[in-house]
């Protein structure tokens, strides 16, 4: 289904401006870390902005490049199994950390 330019821009605006995590990450997390750099806080901020741009452009390009593979249901089974395996490993590590420490 084709979407209009207005619908795409509206979706992007909603994800950007209605996302509470964006504000928490930007204002609270990055802001508090930047403040710890004193006079260099603006350089840290510029670095964080540059890293964010590189991350999201790479993410979008990767998604576009993998879109044919991601259209297959078996691909999602593999992704979900890998995600589950990673979560299980993390849970085991956390559990052993609590038991031993």
PDB file of N, CA and C in Angstrom:
ATOM      1  N   UNK A   1       0.841  -1.172   0.000  1.00  0.00           N
ATOM      2  CA  UNK A   1       0.000   0.000   0.000  1.00  0.00           C
ATOM      3  C   UNK A   1       0.892   1.243   0.000  1.00  0.00           C
ATOM      4  N   UNK A   2       0.699   2.091  -0.946  1.00  0.00           N
ATOM      5  CA  UNK A   2       1.473   3.324  -1.066  1.00  0.00           C
ATOM      6  C   UNK A   2       0.938   4.362  -0.083  1.00  0.00           C
ATOM      7  N   UNK A   3       1.843   5.079   0.534  1.00  0.00           N
ATOM      8  CA  UNK A   3       1.448   6.142   1.454  1.00  0.00           C
ATOM      9  C   UNK A   3       1.801   7.484   0.831  1.00  0.00           C
ATOM     10  N   UNK A   4       1.023   8.466   1.177  1.00  0.00           N
ATOM     11  CA  UNK A   4       1.296   9.803   0.667  1.00  0.00           C
ATOM     12  C   UNK A   4       2.472  10.405   1.435  1.00  0.00           C
ATOM     13  N   UNK A   5       3.069  11.415   0.853  1.00  0.00           N
ATOM     14  CA  UNK A   5       4.177  12.109   1.508  1.00  0.00           C
ATOM     15  C   UNK A   5       3.723  12.690   2.840  1.00  0.00           C
ATOM     16  N   UNK A   6       2.527  13.234   2.875  1.00  0.00           N
ATOM     17  CA  UNK A   6       1.996  13.798   4.115  1.00  0.00           C
ATOM     18  C   UNK A   6       1.843  12.748   5.206  1.00  0.00           C
ATOM     19  N   UNK A   7       1.400  11.546   4.833  1.00  0.00           N
ATOM     20  CA  UNK A   7       1.244  10.469   5.815  1.00  0.00           C
ATOM     21  C   UNK A   7       2.595  10.027   6.359  1.00  0.00           C
ATOM     22  N   UNK A   8       3.589   9.949   5.488  1.00  0.00           N
ATOM     23  CA  UNK A   8       4.928   9.561   5.929  1.00  0.00           C
ATOM     24  C   UNK A   8       5.514  10.616   6.859  1.00  0.00           C
ATOM     25  N   UNK A   9       5.411  11.874   6.472  1.00  0.00           N
ATOM     26  CA  UNK A   9       5.931  12.958   7.314  1.00  0.00           C
ATOM     27  C   UNK A   9       5.171  13.018   8.635  1.00  0.00           C
ATOM     28  N   UNK A  10       3.859  12.806   8.599  1.00  0.00           N
ATOM     29  CA  UNK A  10       3.071  12.771   9.834  1.00  0.00           C
ATOM     30  C   UNK A  10       3.504  11.645  10.755  1.00  0.00           C
ATOM     31  N   UNK A  11       3.781  10.480  10.181  1.00  0.00           N
ATOM     32  CA  UNK A  11       4.264   9.343  10.977  1.00  0.00           C
ATOM     33  C   UNK A  11       5.615   9.621  11.607  1.00  0.00           C
ATOM     34  N   UNK A  12       6.505  10.211  10.815  1.00  0.00           N
ATOM     35  CA  UNK A  12       7.825  10.570  11.336  1.00  0.00           C
ATOM     36  C   UNK A  12       7.692  11.597  12.460  1.00  0.00           C
ATOM     37  N   UNK A  13       6.844  12.592  12.257  1.00  0.00           N
ATOM     38  CA  UNK A  13       6.650  13.625  13.281  1.00  0.00           C
ATOM     39  C   UNK A  13       6.068  13.015  14.559  1.00  0.00           C
ATOM     40  N   UNK A  14       5.130  12.078  14.419  1.00  0.00           N
ATOM     41  CA  UNK A  14       4.531  11.448  15.597  1.00  0.00           C
ATOM     42  C   UNK A  14       5.567  10.637  16.370  1.00  0.00           C
ATOM     43  N   UNK A  15       6.373   9.852  15.664  1.00  0.00           N
ATOM     44  CA  UNK A  15       7.399   9.049  16.336  1.00  0.00           C
ATOM     45  C   UNK A  15       8.425   9.955  17.008  1.00  0.00           C
ATOM     46  N   UNK A  16       8.726  11.056  16.378  1.00  0.00           N
ATOM     47  CA  UNK A  16       9.718  11.982  16.932  1.00  0.00           C
ATOM     48  C   UNK A  16       9.179  12.769  18.116  1.00  0.00           C
ATOM     49  N   UNK A  17       8.063  13.443  17.945  1.00  0.00           N
ATOM     50  CA  UNK A  17       7.595  14.388  18.957  1.00  0.00           C
ATOM     51  C   UNK A  17       6.701  13.776  20.024  1.00  0.00           C
ATOM     52  N   UNK A  18       6.102  12.616  19.766  1.00  0.00           N
ATOM     53  CA  UNK A  18       5.228  11.992  20.758  1.00  0.00           C
ATOM     54  C   UNK A  18       5.911  10.854  21.509  1.00  0.00           C
ATOM     55  N   UNK A  19       7.217  10.691  21.295  1.00  0.00           N
ATOM     56  CA  UNK A  19       7.966   9.599  21.902  1.00  0.00           C
ATOM     57  C   UNK A  19       8.627  10.073  23.201  1.00  0.00           C
ATOM     58  N   UNK A  20       8.142   9.622  24.358  1.00  0.00           N
ATOM     59  CA  UNK A  20       8.737  10.085  25.620  1.00  0.00           C
ATOM     60  C   UNK A  20      10.190   9.639  25.780  1.00  0.00           C
ATOM     61  N   UNK A  21      10.575   8.516  25.177  1.00  0.00           N
ATOM     62  CA  UNK A  21      11.953   8.049  25.286  1.00  0.00           C
ATOM     63  C   UNK A  21      12.920   9.012  24.609  1.00  0.00           C
ATOM     64  N   UNK A  22      12.464   9.659  23.555  1.00  0.00           N
ATOM     65  CA  UNK A  22      13.329  10.634  22.888  1.00  0.00           C
ATOM     66  C   UNK A  22      13.680  11.764  23.846  1.00  0.00           C
ATOM     67  N   UNK A  23      12.713  12.216  24.612  1.00  0.00           N
ATOM     68  CA  UNK A  23      12.977  13.291  25.561  1.00  0.00           C
ATOM     69  C   UNK A  23      13.837  12.812  26.720  1.00  0.00           C
ATOM     70  N   UNK A  24      13.550  11.617  27.222  1.00  0.00           N
ATOM     71  CA  UNK A  24      14.357  11.086  28.321  1.00  0.00           C
ATOM     72  C   UNK A  24      15.810  10.899  27.895  1.00  0.00           C
ATOM     73  N   UNK A  25      16.019  10.299  26.727  1.00  0.00           N
ATOM     74  CA  UNK A  25      17.380  10.072  26.247  1.00  0.00           C
ATOM     75  C   UNK A  25      18.089  11.384  25.969  1.00  0.00           C
ATOM     76  N   UNK A  26      17.411  12.292  25.287  1.00  0.00           N
ATOM     77  CA  UNK A  26      18.053  13.530  24.872  1.00  0.00           C
ATOM     78  C   UNK A  26      18.292  14.466  26.044  1.00  0.00           C
ATOM     79  N   UNK A  27      17.261  14.754  26.788  1.00  0.00           N
ATOM     80  CA  UNK A  27      17.373  15.764  27.835  1.00  0.00           C
ATOM     81  C   UNK A  27      18.045  15.206  29.084  1.00  0.00           C
ATOM     82  N   UNK A  28      17.552  14.085  29.571  1.00  0.00           N
ATOM     83  CA  UNK A  28      18.036  13.577  30.848  1.00  0.00           C
ATOM     84  C   UNK A  28      19.383  12.878  30.699  1.00  0.00           C
ATOM     85  N   UNK A  29      19.446  11.876  29.867  1.00  0.00           N
ATOM     86  CA  UNK A  29      20.654  11.066  29.771  1.00  0.00           C
ATOM     87  C   UNK A  29      21.805  11.832  29.127  1.00  0.00           C
ATOM     88  N   UNK A  30      21.625  12.262  27.899  1.00  0.00           N
ATOM     89  CA  UNK A  30      22.709  12.950  27.194  1.00  0.00           C
ATOM     90  C   UNK A  30      23.001  14.294  27.853  1.00  0.00           C
ATOM     91  N   UNK A  31      21.968  14.991  28.298  1.00  0.00           N
ATOM     92  CA  UNK A  31      22.178  16.273  28.964  1.00  0.00           C
ATOM     93  C   UNK A  31      22.993  16.153  30.238  1.00  0.00           C
ATOM     94  N   UNK A  32      22.687  15.146  31.056  1.00  0.00           N
ATOM     95  CA  UNK A  32      23.438  14.995  32.302  1.00  0.00           C
ATOM     96  C   UNK A  32      24.869  14.540  32.050  1.00  0.00           C
ATOM     97  N   UNK A  33      25.069  13.697  31.052  1.00  0.00           N
ATOM     98  CA  UNK A  33      26.440  13.291  30.719  1.00  0.00           C
ATOM     99  C   UNK A  33      27.213  14.479  30.157  1.00  0.00           C
ATOM    100  N   UNK A  34      26.600  15.235  29.261  1.00  0.00           N
ATOM    101  CA  UNK A  34      27.270  16.406  28.675  1.00  0.00           C
ATOM    102  C   UNK A  34      27.661  17.407  29.763  1.00  0.00           C
ATOM    103  N   UNK A  35      26.814  17.583  30.751  1.00  0.00           N
ATOM    104  CA  UNK A  35      27.104  18.539  31.812  1.00  0.00           C
ATOM    105  C   UNK A  35      28.367  18.160  32.589  1.00  0.00           C
ATOM    106  N   UNK A  36      28.677  16.873  32.629  1.00  0.00           N
ATOM    107  CA  UNK A  36      29.862  16.437  33.368  1.00  0.00           C
ATOM    108  C   UNK A  36      31.160  16.776  32.631  1.00  0.00           C
ATOM    109  N   UNK A  37      31.080  17.227  31.398  1.00  0.00           N
ATOM    110  CA  UNK A  37      32.263  17.570  30.624  1.00  0.00           C
ATOM    111  C   UNK A  37      32.658  19.040  30.760  1.00  0.00           C
ATOM    112  N   UNK A  38      31.952  19.785  31.552  1.00  0.00           N
ATOM    113  CA  UNK A  38      32.302  21.177  31.786  1.00  0.00           C
ATOM    114  C   UNK A  38      32.292  22.010  30.518  1.00  0.00           C
ATOM    115  N   UNK A  39      33.419  22.672  30.245  1.00  0.00           N
ATOM    116  CA  UNK A  39      33.513  23.538  29.061  1.00  0.00           C
ATOM    117  C   UNK A  39      33.450  22.757  27.744  1.00  0.00           C
ATOM    118  N   UNK A  40      33.714  21.472  27.798  1.00  0.00           N
ATOM    119  CA  UNK A  40      33.695  20.646  26.585  1.00  0.00           C
ATOM    120  C   UNK A  40      32.318  20.059  26.297  1.00  0.00           C
ATOM    121  N   UNK A  41      31.301  20.475  27.051  1.00  0.00           N
ATOM    122  CA  UNK A  41      29.965  19.890  26.889  1.00  0.00           C
ATOM    123  C   UNK A  41      29.416  20.070  25.479  1.00  0.00           C
ATOM    124  N   UNK A  42      29.771  21.181  24.833  1.00  0.00           N
ATOM    125  CA  UNK A  42      29.251  21.410  23.475  1.00  0.00           C
ATOM    126  C   UNK A  42      29.902  20.467  22.474  1.00  0.00           C
ATOM    127  N   UNK A  43      31.167  20.143  22.687  1.00  0.00           N
ATOM    128  CA  UNK A  43      31.824  19.163  21.810  1.00  0.00           C
ATOM    129  C   UNK A  43      31.199  17.782  22.000  1.00  0.00           C
ATOM    130  N   UNK A  44      30.919  17.437  23.251  1.00  0.00           N
ATOM    131  CA  UNK A  44      30.237  16.165  23.516  1.00  0.00           C
ATOM    132  C   UNK A  44      28.880  16.139  22.834  1.00  0.00           C
ATOM    133  N   UNK A  45      28.149  17.228  22.949  1.00  0.00           N
ATOM    134  CA  UNK A  45      26.821  17.313  22.346  1.00  0.00           C
ATOM    135  C   UNK A  45      26.899  17.172  20.828  1.00  0.00           C
ATOM    136  N   UNK A  46      27.840  17.856  20.207  1.00  0.00           N
ATOM    137  CA  UNK A  46      28.014  17.735  18.750  1.00  0.00           C
ATOM    138  C   UNK A  46      28.386  16.307  18.360  1.00  0.00           C
ATOM    139  N   UNK A  47      29.222  15.665  19.156  1.00  0.00           N
ATOM    140  CA  UNK A  47      29.574  14.262  18.897  1.00  0.00           C
ATOM    141  C   UNK A  47      28.368  13.341  19.018  1.00  0.00           C
ATOM    142  N   UNK A  48      27.538  13.596  20.019  1.00  0.00           N
ATOM    143  CA  UNK A  48      26.328  12.787  20.199  1.00  0.00           C
ATOM    144  C   UNK A  48      25.366  12.984  19.034  1.00  0.00           C
ATOM    145  N   UNK A  49      25.240  14.215  18.558  1.00  0.00           N
ATOM    146  CA  UNK A  49      24.374  14.490  17.407  1.00  0.00           C
ATOM    147  C   UNK A  49      24.898  13.787  16.163  1.00  0.00           C
ATOM    148  N   UNK A  50      26.219  13.881  15.937  1.00  0.00           N
ATOM    149  CA  UNK A  50      26.830  13.225  14.768  1.00  0.00           C
ATOM    150  C   UNK A  50      26.652  11.716  14.841  1.00  0.00           C
ATOM    151  N   UNK A  51      26.863  11.138  16.018  1.00  0.00           N
ATOM    152  CA  UNK A  51      26.695   9.691  16.179  1.00  0.00           C
ATOM    153  C   UNK A  51      25.248   9.281  15.925  1.00  0.00           C
ATOM    154  N   UNK A  52      24.300  10.095  16.375  1.00  0.00           N
ATOM    155  CA  UNK A  52      22.885   9.807  16.163  1.00  0.00           C
ATOM    156  C   UNK A  52      22.535   9.827  14.679  1.00  0.00           C
ATOM    157  N   UNK A  53      23.050  10.821  13.967  1.00  0.00           N
ATOM    158  CA  UNK A  53      22.782  10.904  12.527  1.00  0.00           C
ATOM    159  C   UNK A  53      23.350   9.681  11.814  1.00  0.00           C
ATOM    160  N   UNK A  54      24.597   9.333  12.130  1.00  0.00           N
ATOM    161  CA  UNK A  54      25.227   8.154  11.499  1.00  0.00           C
ATOM    162  C   UNK A  54      24.426   6.900  11.829  1.00  0.00           C
ATOM    163  N   UNK A  55      24.016   6.737  13.090  1.00  0.00           N
ATOM    164  CA  UNK A  55      23.268   5.556  13.513  1.00  0.00           C
ATOM    165  C   UNK A  55      21.948   5.416  12.744  1.00  0.00           C
ATOM    166  N   UNK A  56      21.163   6.483  12.682  1.00  0.00           N
ATOM    167  CA  UNK A  56      19.851   6.379  12.053  1.00  0.00           C
ATOM    168  C   UNK A  56      19.932   6.263  10.537  1.00  0.00           C
ATOM    169  N   UNK A  57      20.896   6.919   9.918  1.00  0.00           N
ATOM    170  CA  UNK A  57      21.081   6.753   8.466  1.00  0.00           C
ATOM    171  C   UNK A  57      21.506   5.326   8.155  1.00  0.00           C
ATOM    172  N   UNK A  58      22.435   4.789   8.947  1.00  0.00           N
ATOM    173  CA  UNK A  58      22.875   3.405   8.755  1.00  0.00           C
ATOM    174  C   UNK A  58      21.728   2.433   9.001  1.00  0.00           C
ATOM    175  N   UNK A  59      20.941   2.683  10.022  1.00  0.00           N
ATOM    176  CA  UNK A  59      19.788   1.829  10.327  1.00  0.00           C
ATOM    177  C   UNK A  59      18.782   1.824   9.176  1.00  0.00           C
ATOM    178  N   UNK A  60      18.503   3.000   8.637  1.00  0.00           N
ATOM    179  CA  UNK A  60      17.558   3.098   7.520  1.00  0.00           C
ATOM    180  C   UNK A  60      18.104   2.416   6.274  1.00  0.00           C
ATOM    181  N   UNK A  61      19.376   2.629   5.982  1.00  0.00           N
ATOM    182  CA  UNK A  61      19.979   1.988   4.803  1.00  0.00           C
ATOM    183  C   UNK A  61      20.013   0.476   4.965  1.00  0.00           C
ATOM    184  N   UNK A  62      20.333   0.019   6.170  1.00  0.00           N
ATOM    185  CA  UNK A  62      20.344  -1.421   6.427  1.00  0.00           C
ATOM    186  C   UNK A  62      18.961  -2.035   6.289  1.00  0.00           C
ATOM    187  N   UNK A  63      17.953  -1.354   6.797  1.00  0.00           N
ATOM    188  CA  UNK A  63      16.579  -1.850   6.681  1.00  0.00           C
ATOM    189  C   UNK A  63      16.148  -1.912   5.218  1.00  0.00           C
ATOM    190  N   UNK A  64      16.531  -0.892   4.468  1.00  0.00           N
ATOM    191  CA  UNK A  64      16.175  -0.900   3.043  1.00  0.00           C
ATOM    192  C   UNK A  64      16.893  -2.035   2.324  1.00  0.00           C
ATOM    193  N   UNK A  65      18.162  -2.216   2.635  1.00  0.00           N
ATOM    194  CA  UNK A  65      18.928  -3.274   1.992  1.00  0.00           C
ATOM    195  C   UNK A  65      18.452  -4.674   2.359  1.00  0.00           C
ATOM    196  N   UNK A  66      17.926  -4.820   3.574  1.00  0.00           N
ATOM    197  CA  UNK A  66      17.480  -6.137   4.030  1.00  0.00           C
ATOM    198  C   UNK A  66      15.978  -6.341   3.882  1.00  0.00           C
ATOM    199  N   UNK A  67      15.284  -5.405   3.253  1.00  0.00           N
ATOM    200  CA  UNK A  67      13.821  -5.469   3.209  1.00  0.00           C
ATOM    201  C   UNK A  67      13.299  -6.734   2.530  1.00  0.00           C
ATOM    202  N   UNK A  68      13.964  -7.196   1.497  1.00  0.00           N
ATOM    203  CA  UNK A  68      13.495  -8.424   0.832  1.00  0.00           C
ATOM    204  C   UNK A  68      13.643  -9.632   1.749  1.00  0.00           C
ATOM    205  N   UNK A  69      14.746  -9.666   2.501  1.00  0.00           N
ATOM    206  CA  UNK A  69      14.955 -10.766   3.426  1.00  0.00           C
ATOM    207  C   UNK A  69      13.965 -10.678   4.586  1.00  0.00           C
ATOM    208  N   UNK A  70      13.677  -9.462   5.060  1.00  0.00           N
ATOM    209  CA  UNK A  70      12.773  -9.279   6.192  1.00  0.00           C
ATOM    210  C   UNK A  70      11.311  -9.503   5.826  1.00  0.00           C
ATOM    211  N   UNK A  71      11.001  -9.580   4.538  1.00  0.00           N
ATOM    212  CA  UNK A  71       9.625  -9.856   4.113  1.00  0.00           C
ATOM    213  C   UNK A  71       9.232 -11.321   4.324  1.00  0.00           C
ATOM    214  N   UNK A  72      10.218 -12.182   4.528  1.00  0.00           N
ATOM    215  CA  UNK A  72       9.930 -13.612   4.688  1.00  0.00           C
ATOM    216  C   UNK A  72       9.633 -13.956   6.153  1.00  0.00           C
ATOM    217  N   UNK A  73       8.550 -14.694   6.406  1.00  0.00           N
ATOM    218  CA  UNK A  73       8.217 -15.072   7.788  1.00  0.00           C
ATOM    219  C   UNK A  73       9.320 -15.883   8.474  1.00  0.00           C
ATOM    220  N   UNK A  74      10.041 -16.716   7.727  1.00  0.00           N
ATOM    221  CA  UNK A  74      11.116 -17.505   8.342  1.00  0.00           C
ATOM    222  C   UNK A  74      12.222 -16.601   8.895  1.00  0.00           C
ATOM    223  N   UNK A  75      12.441 -15.481   8.247  1.00  0.00           N
ATOM    224  CA  UNK A  75      13.459 -14.548   8.734  1.00  0.00           C
ATOM    225  C   UNK A  75      13.097 -14.045  10.122  1.00  0.00           C
ATOM    226  N   UNK A  76      11.823 -13.778  10.330  1.00  0.00           N
ATOM    227  CA  UNK A  76      11.393 -13.274  11.627  1.00  0.00           C
ATOM    228  C   UNK A  76      11.473 -14.352  12.694  1.00  0.00           C
ATOM    229  N   UNK A  77      11.274 -15.606  12.319  1.00  0.00           N
ATOM    230  CA  UNK A  77      11.449 -16.700  13.268  1.00  0.00           C
ATOM    231  C   UNK A  77      12.904 -16.740  13.734  1.00  0.00           C
ATOM    232  N   UNK A  78      13.831 -16.600  12.787  1.00  0.00           N
ATOM    233  CA  UNK A  78      15.256 -16.591  13.122  1.00  0.00           C
ATOM    234  C   UNK A  78      15.580 -15.403  14.033  1.00  0.00           C
ATOM    235  N   UNK A  79      15.091 -14.226  13.693  1.00  0.00           N
ATOM    236  CA  UNK A  79      15.339 -13.032  14.509  1.00  0.00           C
ATOM    237  C   UNK A  79      14.784 -13.221  15.917  1.00  0.00           C
ATOM    238  N   UNK A  80      13.577 -13.764  16.027  1.00  0.00           N
ATOM    239  CA  UNK A  80      12.963 -13.955  17.340  1.00  0.00           C
ATOM    240  C   UNK A  80      13.702 -15.012  18.156  1.00  0.00           C
ATOM    241  N   UNK A  81      14.185 -16.070  17.495  1.00  0.00           N
ATOM    242  CA  UNK A  81      14.962 -17.084  18.214  1.00  0.00           C
ATOM    243  C   UNK A  81      16.291 -16.514  18.707  1.00  0.00           C
ATOM    244  N   UNK A  82      16.950 -15.712  17.879  1.00  0.00           N
ATOM    245  CA  UNK A  82      18.203 -15.079  18.307  1.00  0.00           C
ATOM    246  C   UNK A  82      17.960 -14.117  19.465  1.00  0.00           C
ATOM    247  N   UNK A  83      16.879 -13.361  19.392  1.00  0.00           N
ATOM    248  CA  UNK A  83      16.534 -12.431  20.471  1.00  0.00           C
ATOM    249  C   UNK A  83      16.260 -13.198  21.761  1.00  0.00           C
ATOM    250  N   UNK A  84      15.515 -14.292  21.653  1.00  0.00           N
ATOM    251  CA  UNK A  84      15.217 -15.109  22.832  1.00  0.00           C
ATOM    252  C   UNK A  84      16.491 -15.691  23.431  1.00  0.00           C
ATOM    253  N   UNK A  85      17.399 -16.167  22.583  1.00  0.00           N
ATOM    254  CA  UNK A  85      18.662 -16.733  23.072  1.00  0.00           C
ATOM    255  C   UNK A  85      19.482 -15.681  23.804  1.00  0.00           C
ATOM    256  N   UNK A  86      19.555 -14.483  23.255  1.00  0.00           N
ATOM    257  CA  UNK A  86      20.303 -13.402  23.903  1.00  0.00           C
ATOM    258  C   UNK A  86      19.671 -13.056  25.247  1.00  0.00           C
ATOM    259  N   UNK A  87      18.339 -12.991  25.295  1.00  0.00           N
ATOM    260  CA  UNK A  87      17.657 -12.663  26.544  1.00  0.00           C
ATOM    261  C   UNK A  87      17.876 -13.749  27.598  1.00  0.00           C
ATOM    262  N   UNK A  88      17.896 -14.999  27.180  1.00  0.00           N
ATOM    263  CA  UNK A  88      18.132 -16.102  28.120  1.00  0.00           C
ATOM    264  C   UNK A  88      19.546 -16.034  28.675  1.00  0.00           C
ATOM    265  N   UNK A  89      20.524 -15.774  27.801  1.00  0.00           N
ATOM    266  CA  UNK A  89      21.915 -15.654  28.262  1.00  0.00           C
ATOM    267  C   UNK A  89      22.049 -14.510  29.259  1.00  0.00           C
ATOM    268  N   UNK A  90      21.442 -13.377  28.971  1.00  0.00           N
ATOM    269  CA  UNK A  90      21.502 -12.236  29.895  1.00  0.00           C
ATOM    270  C   UNK A  90      20.833 -12.584  31.222  1.00  0.00           C
ATOM    271  N   UNK A  91      19.684 -13.263  31.166  1.00  0.00           N
ATOM    272  CA  UNK A  91      18.975 -13.646  32.397  1.00  0.00           C
ATOM    273  C   UNK A  91      19.819 -14.600  33.234  1.00  0.00           C
ATOM    274  N   UNK A  92      20.486 -15.552  32.590  1.00  0.00           N
ATOM    275  CA  UNK A  92      21.338 -16.499  33.320  1.00  0.00           C
ATOM    276  C   UNK A  92      22.508 -15.763  33.964  1.00  0.00           C
ATOM    277  N   UNK A  93      23.135 -14.854  33.211  1.00  0.00           N
ATOM    278  CA  UNK A  93      24.249 -14.087  33.776  1.00  0.00           C
ATOM    279  C   UNK A  93      23.790 -13.245  34.962  1.00  0.00           C
ATOM    280  N   UNK A  94      22.630 -12.611  34.844  1.00  0.00           N
ATOM    281  CA  UNK A  94      22.115 -11.826  35.958  1.00  0.00           C
ATOM    282  C   UNK A  94      21.804 -12.702  37.164  1.00  0.00           C
ATOM    283  N   UNK A  95      21.200 -13.865  36.920  1.00  0.00           N
ATOM    284  CA  UNK A  95      20.851 -14.762  38.010  1.00  0.00           C
ATOM    285  C   UNK A  95      22.106 -15.259  38.725  1.00  0.00           C
ATOM    286  N   UNK A  96      23.136 -15.654  37.978  1.00  0.00           N
ATOM    287  CA  UNK A  96      24.369 -16.117  38.614  1.00  0.00           C
ATOM    288  C   UNK A  96      25.082 -14.979  39.341  1.00  0.00           C
ATOM    289  N   UNK A  97      24.951 -13.783  38.820  1.00  0.00           N
ATOM    290  CA  UNK A  97      25.535 -12.626  39.502  1.00  0.00           C
ATOM    291  C   UNK A  97      24.855 -12.358  40.833  1.00  0.00           C
ATOM    292  N   UNK A  98      23.553 -12.546  40.875  1.00  0.00           N
ATOM    293  CA  UNK A  98      22.816 -12.345  42.125  1.00  0.00           C
ATOM    294  C   UNK A  98      23.119 -13.453  43.128  1.00  0.00           C
ATOM    295  N   UNK A  99      23.266 -14.679  42.615  1.00  0.00           N
ATOM    296  CA  UNK A  99      23.514 -15.826  43.499  1.00  0.00           C
ATOM    297  C   UNK A  99      24.915 -15.742  44.103  1.00  0.00           C
ATOM    298  N   UNK A 100      25.896 -15.423  43.254  1.00  0.00           N
ATOM    299  CA  UNK A 100      27.287 -15.447  43.730  1.00  0.00           C
ATOM    300  C   UNK A 100      27.711 -14.151  44.410  1.00  0.00           C
ATOM    301  N   UNK A 101      26.991 -13.085  44.157  1.00  0.00           N
ATOM    302  CA  UNK A 101      27.504 -11.823  44.658  1.00  0.00           C
ATOM    303  C   UNK A 101      26.714 -11.208  45.700  1.00  0.00           C
TER     304      UNK A 101
END
